[in-house]
Amino acid sequence: MPGRGAWLTPTVEAYELAVKRRAFRRALRLDREPDTSAVLEYLRRLPEVEPHLAEQIDAEEHPDTTEQAERLMDN
């Protein structure tokens, strides 16, 4: 299925929630649950990041654009 994909926050907790909610199947539009064991193993090998640092990293990668959006709406 070219063009299909799913985004996942790179944490075991997010993975477990996605599995519980059957999000992989829904996002990838599959008839049955995919084998995602390789994803879990990958996530378990990632280094742990302190929660406050993770928020800081996320903010740097995804700056808040609310002010910019408000300016565009005013024009």
N, C-alpha and C. Protein backbone atom coordinates (compact mmCIF):
# COMPACT_ATOMS: atom_id res chain seq x y z
N MET A 1 0.82 -1.18 0.00
CA MET A 1 0.00 0.00 0.00
C MET A 1 0.87 1.25 0.00
N PRO A 2 1.31 1.70 -1.13
CA PRO A 2 2.12 2.90 -1.18
C PRO A 2 1.37 4.11 -0.63
N GLY A 3 2.12 4.96 0.06
CA GLY A 3 1.53 6.19 0.56
C GLY A 3 0.88 6.09 1.92
N ARG A 4 0.81 4.91 2.49
CA ARG A 4 0.20 4.76 3.80
C ARG A 4 1.27 4.94 4.87
N GLY A 5 0.89 5.58 5.97
CA GLY A 5 1.83 5.77 7.06
C GLY A 5 1.11 6.16 8.32
N ALA A 6 1.81 6.10 9.43
CA ALA A 6 1.24 6.47 10.72
C ALA A 6 2.34 7.11 11.56
N TRP A 7 2.00 8.17 12.29
CA TRP A 7 2.94 8.84 13.17
C TRP A 7 2.73 8.32 14.58
N LEU A 8 3.83 8.19 15.32
CA LEU A 8 3.77 7.71 16.70
C LEU A 8 4.79 8.48 17.52
N THR A 9 4.37 9.02 18.65
CA THR A 9 5.31 9.63 19.58
C THR A 9 6.26 8.52 20.03
N PRO A 10 7.57 8.75 19.97
CA PRO A 10 8.52 7.67 20.23
C PRO A 10 8.68 7.30 21.70
N THR A 11 7.59 6.82 22.31
CA THR A 11 7.64 6.32 23.68
C THR A 11 6.89 5.00 23.75
N VAL A 12 7.29 4.17 24.70
CA VAL A 12 6.60 2.90 24.89
C VAL A 12 5.16 3.15 25.32
N GLU A 13 4.94 4.19 26.12
CA GLU A 13 3.58 4.50 26.57
C GLU A 13 2.67 4.83 25.39
N ALA A 14 3.16 5.63 24.46
CA ALA A 14 2.37 5.98 23.28
C ALA A 14 2.11 4.75 22.42
N TYR A 15 3.10 3.89 22.31
CA TYR A 15 2.94 2.64 21.56
C TYR A 15 1.84 1.78 22.19
N GLU A 16 1.92 1.61 23.51
CA GLU A 16 0.92 0.78 24.20
C GLU A 16 -0.48 1.33 24.04
N LEU A 17 -0.62 2.65 24.09
CA LEU A 17 -1.92 3.27 23.90
C LEU A 17 -2.41 3.06 22.47
N ALA A 18 -1.51 3.18 21.50
CA ALA A 18 -1.89 2.97 20.10
C ALA A 18 -2.36 1.54 19.87
N VAL A 19 -1.68 0.57 20.49
CA VAL A 19 -2.08 -0.82 20.35
C VAL A 19 -3.44 -1.04 21.01
N LYS A 20 -3.61 -0.48 22.20
CA LYS A 20 -4.88 -0.63 22.92
C LYS A 20 -6.05 -0.04 22.12
N ARG A 21 -5.81 1.09 21.47
CA ARG A 21 -6.87 1.76 20.71
C ARG A 21 -6.97 1.25 19.26
N ARG A 22 -6.12 0.29 18.91
CA ARG A 22 -6.06 -0.27 17.55
C ARG A 22 -5.80 0.81 16.51
N ALA A 23 -4.95 1.74 16.88
CA ALA A 23 -4.67 2.90 16.03
C ALA A 23 -3.84 2.53 14.79
N PHE A 24 -2.97 1.54 14.91
CA PHE A 24 -2.17 1.16 13.75
C PHE A 24 -3.07 0.63 12.64
N ARG A 25 -3.96 -0.25 13.01
CA ARG A 25 -4.90 -0.83 12.03
C ARG A 25 -5.73 0.27 11.35
N ARG A 26 -6.22 1.19 12.16
CA ARG A 26 -7.08 2.25 11.63
C ARG A 26 -6.28 3.22 10.75
N ALA A 27 -5.12 3.64 11.22
CA ALA A 27 -4.31 4.61 10.47
C ALA A 27 -3.81 4.03 9.15
N LEU A 28 -3.48 2.75 9.18
CA LEU A 28 -2.96 2.11 7.97
C LEU A 28 -4.05 1.47 7.12
N ARG A 29 -5.29 1.56 7.60
CA ARG A 29 -6.46 1.02 6.88
C ARG A 29 -6.27 -0.45 6.53
N LEU A 30 -5.98 -1.24 7.56
CA LEU A 30 -5.77 -2.68 7.38
C LEU A 30 -6.99 -3.47 7.83
N ASP A 31 -7.10 -4.69 7.34
CA ASP A 31 -8.21 -5.57 7.73
C ASP A 31 -7.98 -6.22 9.09
N ARG A 32 -6.72 -6.32 9.50
CA ARG A 32 -6.41 -6.92 10.81
C ARG A 32 -5.22 -6.19 11.43
N GLU A 33 -4.98 -6.48 12.69
CA GLU A 33 -3.89 -5.81 13.41
C GLU A 33 -2.54 -6.21 12.80
N PRO A 34 -1.67 -5.24 12.53
CA PRO A 34 -0.34 -5.57 12.01
C PRO A 34 0.58 -6.03 13.14
N ASP A 35 1.64 -6.73 12.77
CA ASP A 35 2.66 -7.13 13.74
C ASP A 35 3.56 -5.92 13.97
N THR A 36 3.45 -5.32 15.15
CA THR A 36 4.22 -4.11 15.46
C THR A 36 5.31 -4.38 16.49
N SER A 37 5.68 -5.64 16.65
CA SER A 37 6.68 -6.00 17.66
C SER A 37 8.03 -5.34 17.39
N ALA A 38 8.39 -5.15 16.13
CA ALA A 38 9.66 -4.49 15.80
C ALA A 38 9.64 -3.03 16.25
N VAL A 39 8.48 -2.39 16.17
CA VAL A 39 8.35 -1.00 16.63
C VAL A 39 8.59 -0.94 18.14
N LEU A 40 7.99 -1.86 18.87
CA LEU A 40 8.16 -1.90 20.32
C LEU A 40 9.62 -2.12 20.70
N GLU A 41 10.28 -3.04 20.03
CA GLU A 41 11.69 -3.30 20.32
C GLU A 41 12.55 -2.07 20.04
N TYR A 42 12.26 -1.37 18.97
CA TYR A 42 12.99 -0.14 18.64
C TYR A 42 12.79 0.90 19.74
N LEU A 43 11.55 1.09 20.16
CA LEU A 43 11.26 2.09 21.20
C LEU A 43 11.94 1.74 22.51
N ARG A 44 12.01 0.48 22.85
CA ARG A 44 12.66 0.06 24.10
C ARG A 44 14.14 0.33 24.08
N ARG A 45 14.75 0.39 22.90
CA ARG A 45 16.20 0.64 22.80
C ARG A 45 16.55 2.12 22.76
N LEU A 46 15.55 2.98 22.60
CA LEU A 46 15.81 4.42 22.57
C LEU A 46 16.23 4.90 23.96
N PRO A 47 17.14 5.87 24.01
CA PRO A 47 17.51 6.42 25.32
C PRO A 47 16.35 7.20 25.91
N GLU A 48 16.23 7.13 27.22
CA GLU A 48 15.16 7.86 27.91
C GLU A 48 15.51 9.34 27.96
N VAL A 49 14.52 10.18 27.76
CA VAL A 49 14.70 11.63 27.82
C VAL A 49 13.86 12.14 28.98
N GLU A 50 14.45 13.02 29.79
CA GLU A 50 13.71 13.60 30.90
C GLU A 50 12.48 14.33 30.36
N PRO A 51 11.32 14.22 31.03
CA PRO A 51 10.09 14.84 30.53
C PRO A 51 10.22 16.32 30.21
N HIS A 52 10.90 17.09 31.07
CA HIS A 52 11.01 18.53 30.81
C HIS A 52 11.90 18.80 29.60
N LEU A 53 12.87 17.93 29.33
CA LEU A 53 13.71 18.09 28.15
C LEU A 53 12.94 17.71 26.89
N ALA A 54 12.09 16.70 26.99
CA ALA A 54 11.29 16.28 25.84
C ALA A 54 10.36 17.40 25.41
N GLU A 55 9.77 18.11 26.36
CA GLU A 55 8.90 19.24 26.03
C GLU A 55 9.70 20.35 25.36
N GLN A 56 10.90 20.59 25.86
CA GLN A 56 11.75 21.64 25.28
C GLN A 56 12.15 21.27 23.85
N ILE A 57 12.53 20.02 23.63
CA ILE A 57 12.91 19.57 22.29
C ILE A 57 11.72 19.70 21.35
N ASP A 58 10.55 19.29 21.80
CA ASP A 58 9.34 19.36 20.98
C ASP A 58 9.03 20.80 20.62
N ALA A 59 9.17 21.71 21.57
CA ALA A 59 8.88 23.13 21.33
C ALA A 59 9.85 23.71 20.30
N GLU A 60 11.10 23.28 20.33
CA GLU A 60 12.08 23.77 19.36
C GLU A 60 11.77 23.25 17.96
N GLU A 61 11.33 22.01 17.86
CA GLU A 61 11.04 21.41 16.56
C GLU A 61 9.71 21.89 16.00
N HIS A 62 8.76 22.23 16.88
CA HIS A 62 7.43 22.65 16.46
C HIS A 62 7.08 23.96 17.16
N PRO A 63 7.61 25.08 16.65
CA PRO A 63 7.35 26.36 17.32
C PRO A 63 5.87 26.71 17.30
N ASP A 64 5.45 27.46 18.30
CA ASP A 64 4.05 27.88 18.39
C ASP A 64 3.76 28.90 17.29
N THR A 65 2.76 28.62 16.49
CA THR A 65 2.43 29.50 15.38
C THR A 65 1.12 30.24 15.60
N THR A 66 0.63 30.25 16.82
CA THR A 66 -0.65 30.89 17.12
C THR A 66 -0.60 32.38 16.78
N GLU A 67 0.45 33.06 17.21
CA GLU A 67 0.56 34.50 16.95
C GLU A 67 0.61 34.78 15.46
N GLN A 68 1.37 33.98 14.74
CA GLN A 68 1.46 34.16 13.29
C GLN A 68 0.11 33.91 12.63
N ALA A 69 -0.61 32.90 13.06
CA ALA A 69 -1.93 32.60 12.50
C ALA A 69 -2.91 33.74 12.78
N GLU A 70 -2.85 34.31 13.98
CA GLU A 70 -3.73 35.42 14.31
C GLU A 70 -3.45 36.63 13.43
N ARG A 71 -2.17 36.88 13.16
CA ARG A 71 -1.82 38.01 12.28
C ARG A 71 -2.37 37.79 10.88
N LEU A 72 -2.27 36.58 10.38
CA LEU A 72 -2.77 36.29 9.05
C LEU A 72 -4.29 36.43 8.97
N MET A 73 -4.98 36.06 10.04
CA MET A 73 -6.43 36.16 10.06
C MET A 73 -6.87 37.61 10.11
N ASP A 74 -6.06 38.49 10.71
CA ASP A 74 -6.40 39.90 10.80
C ASP A 74 -6.29 40.60 9.44
N ASN A 75 -5.51 40.05 8.53
CA ASN A 75 -5.29 40.68 7.21
C ASN A 75 -6.40 40.35 6.25
